[in-house]
């Protein structure tokens, strides 16, 4: 079994095939959106007719097909900051 390496990359060809490396988990997927956990934070891919063509979580690789219209990263929330903000606005 191959382990996930400490790297993250995406390759997009003609907006119709996307290879993502450094994936640690598939959160959810349907034909309009795929949500992934990567080594650089949570990632959302939006599009049309999206399909997971290759899924090798042990190797950290996901390959998607379909029409990609957007790629977004979400930073993990810092619990200390949200706790401080809550205390300020009580």
PDB file of N, CA and C in Angstrom:
ATOM      1  N   UNK A   1       0.836  -1.173   0.000  1.00  0.00           N
ATOM      2  CA  UNK A   1       0.000   0.000   0.000  1.00  0.00           C
ATOM      3  C   UNK A   1       0.890   1.249   0.000  1.00  0.00           C
ATOM      4  N   UNK A   2       0.620   2.154  -0.932  1.00  0.00           N
ATOM      5  CA  UNK A   2       1.381   3.399  -1.045  1.00  0.00           C
ATOM      6  C   UNK A   2       0.780   4.438  -0.097  1.00  0.00           C
ATOM      7  N   UNK A   3       1.605   5.253   0.527  1.00  0.00           N
ATOM      8  CA  UNK A   3       1.100   6.277   1.434  1.00  0.00           C
ATOM      9  C   UNK A   3       1.041   7.621   0.733  1.00  0.00           C
ATOM     10  N   UNK A   4       0.161   8.498   1.239  1.00  0.00           N
ATOM     11  CA  UNK A   4       0.010   9.829   0.686  1.00  0.00           C
ATOM     12  C   UNK A   4       1.256  10.636   0.994  1.00  0.00           C
ATOM     13  N   UNK A   5       1.833  11.252  -0.023  1.00  0.00           N
ATOM     14  CA  UNK A   5       3.026  12.058   0.159  1.00  0.00           C
ATOM     15  C   UNK A   5       2.622  13.483   0.523  1.00  0.00           C
ATOM     16  N   UNK A   6       3.589  14.258   1.029  1.00  0.00           N
ATOM     17  CA  UNK A   6       3.330  15.643   1.407  1.00  0.00           C
ATOM     18  C   UNK A   6       3.425  16.552   0.196  1.00  0.00           C
ATOM     19  N   UNK A   7       2.478  16.440  -0.723  1.00  0.00           N
ATOM     20  CA  UNK A   7       2.439  17.331  -1.869  1.00  0.00           C
ATOM     21  C   UNK A   7       0.998  17.444  -2.343  1.00  0.00           C
ATOM     22  N   UNK A   8       0.724  18.521  -3.018  1.00  0.00           N
ATOM     23  CA  UNK A   8      -0.617  18.742  -3.553  1.00  0.00           C
ATOM     24  C   UNK A   8      -0.462  19.417  -4.903  1.00  0.00           C
ATOM     25  N   UNK A   9      -1.162  18.904  -5.889  1.00  0.00           N
ATOM     26  CA  UNK A   9      -1.142  19.535  -7.204  1.00  0.00           C
ATOM     27  C   UNK A   9      -2.451  19.238  -7.921  1.00  0.00           C
ATOM     28  N   UNK A  10      -2.780  20.137  -8.861  1.00  0.00           N
ATOM     29  CA  UNK A  10      -3.927  19.890  -9.726  1.00  0.00           C
ATOM     30  C   UNK A  10      -3.486  20.124 -11.166  1.00  0.00           C
ATOM     31  N   UNK A  11      -4.013  19.300 -12.056  1.00  0.00           N
ATOM     32  CA  UNK A  11      -3.772  19.445 -13.483  1.00  0.00           C
ATOM     33  C   UNK A  11      -5.136  19.429 -14.158  1.00  0.00           C
ATOM     34  N   UNK A  12      -5.405  20.443 -14.964  1.00  0.00           N
ATOM     35  CA  UNK A  12      -6.684  20.550 -15.655  1.00  0.00           C
ATOM     36  C   UNK A  12      -6.414  20.619 -17.148  1.00  0.00           C
ATOM     37  N   UNK A  13      -7.019  19.683 -17.893  1.00  0.00           N
ATOM     38  CA  UNK A  13      -6.859  19.648 -19.346  1.00  0.00           C
ATOM     39  C   UNK A  13      -8.185  20.000 -20.004  1.00  0.00           C
ATOM     40  N   UNK A  14      -8.190  21.085 -20.774  1.00  0.00           N
ATOM     41  CA  UNK A  14      -9.354  21.504 -21.563  1.00  0.00           C
ATOM     42  C   UNK A  14     -10.642  21.590 -20.744  1.00  0.00           C
ATOM     43  N   UNK A  15     -10.524  21.877 -19.467  1.00  0.00           N
ATOM     44  CA  UNK A  15     -11.669  21.964 -18.560  1.00  0.00           C
ATOM     45  C   UNK A  15     -12.495  20.683 -18.496  1.00  0.00           C
ATOM     46  N   UNK A  16     -11.972  19.580 -19.040  1.00  0.00           N
ATOM     47  CA  UNK A  16     -12.778  18.365 -19.079  1.00  0.00           C
ATOM     48  C   UNK A  16     -12.160  17.186 -18.319  1.00  0.00           C
ATOM     49  N   UNK A  17     -10.886  17.285 -17.952  1.00  0.00           N
ATOM     50  CA  UNK A  17     -10.262  16.233 -17.162  1.00  0.00           C
ATOM     51  C   UNK A  17      -9.346  16.888 -16.133  1.00  0.00           C
ATOM     52  N   UNK A  18      -9.540  16.534 -14.869  1.00  0.00           N
ATOM     53  CA  UNK A  18      -8.762  17.123 -13.782  1.00  0.00           C
ATOM     54  C   UNK A  18      -8.152  16.013 -12.939  1.00  0.00           C
ATOM     55  N   UNK A  19      -6.853  16.141 -12.690  1.00  0.00           N
ATOM     56  CA  UNK A  19      -6.135  15.202 -11.813  1.00  0.00           C
ATOM     57  C   UNK A  19      -5.719  15.982 -10.571  1.00  0.00           C
ATOM     58  N   UNK A  20      -6.075  15.480  -9.408  1.00  0.00           N
ATOM     59  CA  UNK A  20      -5.739  16.115  -8.141  1.00  0.00           C
ATOM     60  C   UNK A  20      -4.876  15.150  -7.341  1.00  0.00           C
ATOM     61  N   UNK A  21      -3.720  15.616  -6.877  1.00  0.00           N
ATOM     62  CA  UNK A  21      -2.847  14.820  -6.019  1.00  0.00           C
ATOM     63  C   UNK A  21      -2.794  15.454  -4.640  1.00  0.00           C
ATOM     64  N   UNK A  22      -2.583  14.652  -3.629  1.00  0.00           N
ATOM     65  CA  UNK A  22      -2.554  15.147  -2.255  1.00  0.00           C
ATOM     66  C   UNK A  22      -3.922  15.120  -1.607  1.00  0.00           C
ATOM     67  N   UNK A  23      -4.818  14.271  -2.110  1.00  0.00           N
ATOM     68  CA  UNK A  23      -6.172  14.142  -1.563  1.00  0.00           C
ATOM     69  C   UNK A  23      -6.128  13.167  -0.399  1.00  0.00           C
ATOM     70  N   UNK A  24      -6.738  13.555   0.722  1.00  0.00           N
ATOM     71  CA  UNK A  24      -6.784  12.673   1.876  1.00  0.00           C
ATOM     72  C   UNK A  24      -8.173  12.075   2.107  1.00  0.00           C
ATOM     73  N   UNK A  25      -9.219  12.716   1.526  1.00  0.00           N
ATOM     74  CA  UNK A  25     -10.580  12.217   1.730  1.00  0.00           C
ATOM     75  C   UNK A  25     -11.518  12.836   0.704  1.00  0.00           C
ATOM     76  N   UNK A  26     -12.490  12.058   0.247  1.00  0.00           N
ATOM     77  CA  UNK A  26     -13.582  12.590  -0.570  1.00  0.00           C
ATOM     78  C   UNK A  26     -14.728  12.864   0.391  1.00  0.00           C
ATOM     79  N   UNK A  27     -15.105  14.140   0.529  1.00  0.00           N
ATOM     80  CA  UNK A  27     -16.165  14.519   1.456  1.00  0.00           C
ATOM     81  C   UNK A  27     -17.527  14.215   0.842  1.00  0.00           C
ATOM     82  N   UNK A  28     -17.737  14.671  -0.391  1.00  0.00           N
ATOM     83  CA  UNK A  28     -19.001  14.417  -1.087  1.00  0.00           C
ATOM     84  C   UNK A  28     -18.800  14.639  -2.572  1.00  0.00           C
ATOM     85  N   UNK A  29     -19.723  14.090  -3.353  1.00  0.00           N
ATOM     86  CA  UNK A  29     -19.656  14.319  -4.797  1.00  0.00           C
ATOM     87  C   UNK A  29     -21.016  14.059  -5.428  1.00  0.00           C
ATOM     88  N   UNK A  30     -21.297  14.792  -6.475  1.00  0.00           N
ATOM     89  CA  UNK A  30     -22.418  14.547  -7.361  1.00  0.00           C
ATOM     90  C   UNK A  30     -22.044  15.133  -8.715  1.00  0.00           C
ATOM     91  N   UNK A  31     -22.960  15.195  -9.650  1.00  0.00           N
ATOM     92  CA  UNK A  31     -22.599  15.646 -10.997  1.00  0.00           C
ATOM     93  C   UNK A  31     -22.330  17.142 -11.096  1.00  0.00           C
ATOM     94  N   UNK A  32     -22.645  17.911 -10.035  1.00  0.00           N
ATOM     95  CA  UNK A  32     -22.427  19.363 -10.051  1.00  0.00           C
ATOM     96  C   UNK A  32     -21.267  19.827  -9.180  1.00  0.00           C
ATOM     97  N   UNK A  33     -20.860  19.025  -8.195  1.00  0.00           N
ATOM     98  CA  UNK A  33     -19.795  19.457  -7.281  1.00  0.00           C
ATOM     99  C   UNK A  33     -19.097  18.261  -6.647  1.00  0.00           C
ATOM    100  N   UNK A  34     -17.797  18.421  -6.406  1.00  0.00           N
ATOM    101  CA  UNK A  34     -16.996  17.424  -5.698  1.00  0.00           C
ATOM    102  C   UNK A  34     -16.276  18.156  -4.572  1.00  0.00           C
ATOM    103  N   UNK A  35     -16.415  17.659  -3.347  1.00  0.00           N
ATOM    104  CA  UNK A  35     -15.745  18.244  -2.185  1.00  0.00           C
ATOM    105  C   UNK A  35     -14.678  17.261  -1.704  1.00  0.00           C
ATOM    106  N   UNK A  36     -13.440  17.772  -1.562  1.00  0.00           N
ATOM    107  CA  UNK A  36     -12.308  16.943  -1.168  1.00  0.00           C
ATOM    108  C   UNK A  36     -11.570  17.568   0.001  1.00  0.00           C
ATOM    109  N   UNK A  37     -10.946  16.731   0.817  1.00  0.00           N
ATOM    110  CA  UNK A  37      -9.967  17.196   1.797  1.00  0.00           C
ATOM    111  C   UNK A  37      -8.610  16.952   1.156  1.00  0.00           C
ATOM    112  N   UNK A  38      -7.787  18.003   1.126  1.00  0.00           N
ATOM    113  CA  UNK A  38      -6.448  17.872   0.566  1.00  0.00           C
ATOM    114  C   UNK A  38      -5.438  18.303   1.616  1.00  0.00           C
ATOM    115  N   UNK A  39      -4.191  18.135   1.299  1.00  0.00           N
ATOM    116  CA  UNK A  39      -3.133  18.546   2.219  1.00  0.00           C
ATOM    117  C   UNK A  39      -3.011  20.063   2.302  1.00  0.00           C
ATOM    118  N   UNK A  40      -3.727  20.793   1.430  1.00  0.00           N
ATOM    119  CA  UNK A  40      -3.726  22.266   1.468  1.00  0.00           C
ATOM    120  C   UNK A  40      -5.078  22.821   1.891  1.00  0.00           C
ATOM    121  N   UNK A  41      -5.928  22.010   2.492  1.00  0.00           N
ATOM    122  CA  UNK A  41      -7.241  22.456   2.947  1.00  0.00           C
ATOM    123  C   UNK A  41      -8.361  21.807   2.140  1.00  0.00           C
ATOM    124  N   UNK A  42      -9.591  22.121   2.524  1.00  0.00           N
ATOM    125  CA  UNK A  42     -10.747  21.582   1.816  1.00  0.00           C
ATOM    126  C   UNK A  42     -10.852  22.229   0.444  1.00  0.00           C
ATOM    127  N   UNK A  43     -11.289  21.446  -0.528  1.00  0.00           N
ATOM    128  CA  UNK A  43     -11.333  21.897  -1.920  1.00  0.00           C
ATOM    129  C   UNK A  43     -12.690  21.553  -2.508  1.00  0.00           C
ATOM    130  N   UNK A  44     -13.275  22.502  -3.231  1.00  0.00           N
ATOM    131  CA  UNK A  44     -14.536  22.275  -3.933  1.00  0.00           C
ATOM    132  C   UNK A  44     -14.300  22.469  -5.425  1.00  0.00           C
ATOM    133  N   UNK A  45     -14.790  21.518  -6.216  1.00  0.00           N
ATOM    134  CA  UNK A  45     -14.738  21.626  -7.668  1.00  0.00           C
ATOM    135  C   UNK A  45     -16.177  21.680  -8.143  1.00  0.00           C
ATOM    136  N   UNK A  46     -16.528  22.722  -8.876  1.00  0.00           N
ATOM    137  CA  UNK A  46     -17.879  22.867  -9.404  1.00  0.00           C
ATOM    138  C   UNK A  46     -17.854  22.664 -10.904  1.00  0.00           C
ATOM    139  N   UNK A  47     -18.952  22.162 -11.439  1.00  0.00           N
ATOM    140  CA  UNK A  47     -19.017  21.948 -12.870  1.00  0.00           C
ATOM    141  C   UNK A  47     -20.304  21.285 -13.295  1.00  0.00           C
ATOM    142  N   UNK A  48     -20.220  20.582 -14.407  1.00  0.00           N
ATOM    143  CA  UNK A  48     -21.386  19.917 -14.985  1.00  0.00           C
ATOM    144  C   UNK A  48     -20.973  18.516 -15.414  1.00  0.00           C
ATOM    145  N   UNK A  49     -21.844  17.556 -15.178  1.00  0.00           N
ATOM    146  CA  UNK A  49     -21.583  16.159 -15.546  1.00  0.00           C
ATOM    147  C   UNK A  49     -20.272  15.630 -14.958  1.00  0.00           C
ATOM    148  N   UNK A  50     -19.949  16.024 -13.718  1.00  0.00           N
ATOM    149  CA  UNK A  50     -18.709  15.589 -13.075  1.00  0.00           C
ATOM    150  C   UNK A  50     -18.804  14.124 -12.669  1.00  0.00           C
ATOM    151  N   UNK A  51     -17.736  13.399 -12.922  1.00  0.00           N
ATOM    152  CA  UNK A  51     -17.634  11.989 -12.555  1.00  0.00           C
ATOM    153  C   UNK A  51     -16.228  11.736 -12.009  1.00  0.00           C
ATOM    154  N   UNK A  52     -16.153  10.854 -11.031  1.00  0.00           N
ATOM    155  CA  UNK A  52     -14.847  10.439 -10.528  1.00  0.00           C
ATOM    156  C   UNK A  52     -14.404   9.260 -11.382  1.00  0.00           C
ATOM    157  N   UNK A  53     -13.370   9.487 -12.209  1.00  0.00           N
ATOM    158  CA  UNK A  53     -12.862   8.455 -13.108  1.00  0.00           C
ATOM    159  C   UNK A  53     -11.858   7.553 -12.402  1.00  0.00           C
ATOM    160  N   UNK A  54     -11.037   8.137 -11.520  1.00  0.00           N
ATOM    161  CA  UNK A  54     -10.027   7.380 -10.767  1.00  0.00           C
ATOM    162  C   UNK A  54     -10.093   7.846  -9.320  1.00  0.00           C
ATOM    163  N   UNK A  55     -10.104   6.885  -8.406  1.00  0.00           N
ATOM    164  CA  UNK A  55     -10.103   7.193  -6.978  1.00  0.00           C
ATOM    165  C   UNK A  55      -9.094   6.279  -6.303  1.00  0.00           C
ATOM    166  N   UNK A  56      -7.938   6.845  -5.942  1.00  0.00           N
ATOM    167  CA  UNK A  56      -6.876   6.110  -5.257  1.00  0.00           C
ATOM    168  C   UNK A  56      -6.491   6.885  -4.005  1.00  0.00           C
ATOM    169  N   UNK A  57      -7.317   6.793  -2.987  1.00  0.00           N
ATOM    170  CA  UNK A  57      -7.087   7.561  -1.762  1.00  0.00           C
ATOM    171  C   UNK A  57      -5.770   7.159  -1.094  1.00  0.00           C
ATOM    172  N   UNK A  58      -5.410   5.879  -1.150  1.00  0.00           N
ATOM    173  CA  UNK A  58      -4.131   5.457  -0.553  1.00  0.00           C
ATOM    174  C   UNK A  58      -2.956   6.188  -1.183  1.00  0.00           C
ATOM    175  N   UNK A  59      -3.049   6.470  -2.488  1.00  0.00           N
ATOM    176  CA  UNK A  59      -1.997   7.210  -3.193  1.00  0.00           C
ATOM    177  C   UNK A  59      -2.284   8.707  -3.214  1.00  0.00           C
ATOM    178  N   UNK A  60      -3.477   9.125  -2.759  1.00  0.00           N
ATOM    179  CA  UNK A  60      -3.826  10.542  -2.725  1.00  0.00           C
ATOM    180  C   UNK A  60      -4.223  11.109  -4.075  1.00  0.00           C
ATOM    181  N   UNK A  61      -4.732  10.260  -4.982  1.00  0.00           N
ATOM    182  CA  UNK A  61      -5.025  10.702  -6.354  1.00  0.00           C
ATOM    183  C   UNK A  61      -6.517  10.576  -6.655  1.00  0.00           C
ATOM    184  N   UNK A  62      -7.069  11.645  -7.242  1.00  0.00           N
ATOM    185  CA  UNK A  62      -8.436  11.637  -7.763  1.00  0.00           C
ATOM    186  C   UNK A  62      -8.382  12.230  -9.159  1.00  0.00           C
ATOM    187  N   UNK A  63      -9.040  11.565 -10.109  1.00  0.00           N
ATOM    188  CA  UNK A  63      -9.156  12.085 -11.469  1.00  0.00           C
ATOM    189  C   UNK A  63     -10.632  12.258 -11.762  1.00  0.00           C
ATOM    190  N   UNK A  64     -11.002  13.472 -12.201  1.00  0.00           N
ATOM    191  CA  UNK A  64     -12.385  13.796 -12.519  1.00  0.00           C
ATOM    192  C   UNK A  64     -12.546  14.001 -14.005  1.00  0.00           C
ATOM    193  N   UNK A  65     -13.735  13.684 -14.524  1.00  0.00           N
ATOM    194  CA  UNK A  65     -14.083  14.030 -15.893  1.00  0.00           C
ATOM    195  C   UNK A  65     -15.388  14.815 -15.846  1.00  0.00           C
ATOM    196  N   UNK A  66     -15.672  15.565 -16.893  1.00  0.00           N
ATOM    197  CA  UNK A  66     -16.830  16.439 -16.962  1.00  0.00           C
ATOM    198  C   UNK A  66     -16.371  17.838 -17.333  1.00  0.00           C
ATOM    199  N   UNK A  67     -17.239  18.822 -17.137  1.00  0.00           N
ATOM    200  CA  UNK A  67     -16.893  20.210 -17.435  1.00  0.00           C
ATOM    201  C   UNK A  67     -16.655  20.957 -16.124  1.00  0.00           C
ATOM    202  N   UNK A  68     -15.421  21.390 -15.895  1.00  0.00           N
ATOM    203  CA  UNK A  68     -15.058  22.109 -14.668  1.00  0.00           C
ATOM    204  C   UNK A  68     -15.307  23.599 -14.865  1.00  0.00           C
ATOM    205  N   UNK A  69     -16.065  24.201 -13.933  1.00  0.00           N
ATOM    206  CA  UNK A  69     -16.329  25.640 -14.025  1.00  0.00           C
ATOM    207  C   UNK A  69     -15.702  26.432 -12.884  1.00  0.00           C
ATOM    208  N   UNK A  70     -15.260  25.760 -11.809  1.00  0.00           N
ATOM    209  CA  UNK A  70     -14.638  26.488 -10.712  1.00  0.00           C
ATOM    210  C   UNK A  70     -13.931  25.571  -9.742  1.00  0.00           C
ATOM    211  N   UNK A  71     -12.858  26.092  -9.145  1.00  0.00           N
ATOM    212  CA  UNK A  71     -12.094  25.368  -8.125  1.00  0.00           C
ATOM    213  C   UNK A  71     -11.896  26.330  -6.963  1.00  0.00           C
ATOM    214  N   UNK A  72     -12.247  25.890  -5.761  1.00  0.00           N
ATOM    215  CA  UNK A  72     -12.173  26.752  -4.586  1.00  0.00           C
ATOM    216  C   UNK A  72     -11.515  26.006  -3.440  1.00  0.00           C
ATOM    217  N   UNK A  73     -10.722  26.743  -2.662  1.00  0.00           N
ATOM    218  CA  UNK A  73     -10.115  26.202  -1.448  1.00  0.00           C
ATOM    219  C   UNK A  73     -10.738  26.898  -0.252  1.00  0.00           C
ATOM    220  N   UNK A  74     -10.901  26.136   0.832  1.00  0.00           N
ATOM    221  CA  UNK A  74     -11.436  26.674   2.071  1.00  0.00           C
ATOM    222  C   UNK A  74     -10.425  26.436   3.171  1.00  0.00           C
ATOM    223  N   UNK A  75     -10.039  27.496   3.844  1.00  0.00           N
ATOM    224  CA  UNK A  75      -9.077  27.392   4.937  1.00  0.00           C
ATOM    225  C   UNK A  75      -9.786  26.835   6.171  1.00  0.00           C
ATOM    226  N   UNK A  76      -9.102  25.989   6.926  1.00  0.00           N
ATOM    227  CA  UNK A  76      -9.687  25.500   8.177  1.00  0.00           C
ATOM    228  C   UNK A  76      -9.861  26.658   9.147  1.00  0.00           C
ATOM    229  N   UNK A  77     -10.950  26.635   9.857  1.00  0.00           N
ATOM    230  CA  UNK A  77     -11.210  27.708  10.833  1.00  0.00           C
ATOM    231  C   UNK A  77     -10.307  27.547  12.028  1.00  0.00           C
ATOM    232  N   UNK A  78      -9.764  28.673  12.493  1.00  0.00           N
ATOM    233  CA  UNK A  78      -8.916  28.680  13.677  1.00  0.00           C
ATOM    234  C   UNK A  78      -9.818  28.805  14.891  1.00  0.00           C
ATOM    235  N   UNK A  79      -9.827  27.797  15.753  1.00  0.00           N
ATOM    236  CA  UNK A  79     -10.719  27.779  16.910  1.00  0.00           C
ATOM    237  C   UNK A  79     -10.418  28.911  17.873  1.00  0.00           C
ATOM    238  N   UNK A  80      -9.141  29.289  18.015  1.00  0.00           N
ATOM    239  CA  UNK A  80      -8.781  30.362  18.938  1.00  0.00           C
ATOM    240  C   UNK A  80      -9.384  31.684  18.486  1.00  0.00           C
ATOM    241  N   UNK A  81      -9.312  31.982  17.194  1.00  0.00           N
ATOM    242  CA  UNK A  81      -9.859  33.238  16.701  1.00  0.00           C
ATOM    243  C   UNK A  81     -11.365  33.284  16.844  1.00  0.00           C
ATOM    244  N   UNK A  82     -12.045  32.192  16.500  1.00  0.00           N
ATOM    245  CA  UNK A  82     -13.498  32.203  16.603  1.00  0.00           C
ATOM    246  C   UNK A  82     -13.916  32.323  18.066  1.00  0.00           C
ATOM    247  N   UNK A  83     -13.162  31.726  19.006  1.00  0.00           N
ATOM    248  CA  UNK A  83     -13.474  31.855  20.421  1.00  0.00           C
ATOM    249  C   UNK A  83     -13.302  33.285  20.904  1.00  0.00           C
ATOM    250  N   UNK A  84     -12.253  33.958  20.418  1.00  0.00           N
ATOM    251  CA  UNK A  84     -12.010  35.342  20.800  1.00  0.00           C
ATOM    252  C   UNK A  84     -13.120  36.239  20.241  1.00  0.00           C
ATOM    253  N   UNK A  85     -13.506  36.022  19.008  1.00  0.00           N
ATOM    254  CA  UNK A  85     -14.566  36.821  18.386  1.00  0.00           C
ATOM    255  C   UNK A  85     -15.882  36.600  19.137  1.00  0.00           C
ATOM    256  N   UNK A  86     -16.174  35.387  19.513  1.00  0.00           N
ATOM    257  CA  UNK A  86     -17.397  35.106  20.287  1.00  0.00           C
ATOM    258  C   UNK A  86     -17.390  35.862  21.604  1.00  0.00           C
ATOM    259  N   UNK A  87     -16.242  35.874  22.276  1.00  0.00           N
ATOM    260  CA  UNK A  87     -16.149  36.573  23.562  1.00  0.00           C
ATOM    261  C   UNK A  87     -16.339  38.072  23.389  1.00  0.00           C
ATOM    262  N   UNK A  88     -15.829  38.646  22.321  1.00  0.00           N
ATOM    263  CA  UNK A  88     -15.966  40.074  22.083  1.00  0.00           C
ATOM    264  C   UNK A  88     -17.395  40.494  21.810  1.00  0.00           C
ATOM    265  N   UNK A  89     -18.160  39.632  21.157  1.00  0.00           N
ATOM    266  CA  UNK A  89     -19.517  39.992  20.759  1.00  0.00           C
ATOM    267  C   UNK A  89     -20.595  39.368  21.605  1.00  0.00           C
ATOM    268  N   UNK A  90     -20.292  39.020  22.841  1.00  0.00           N
ATOM    269  CA  UNK A  90     -21.315  38.492  23.758  1.00  0.00           C
ATOM    270  C   UNK A  90     -22.148  39.572  24.316  1.00  0.00           C
TER     271      UNK A  90
END
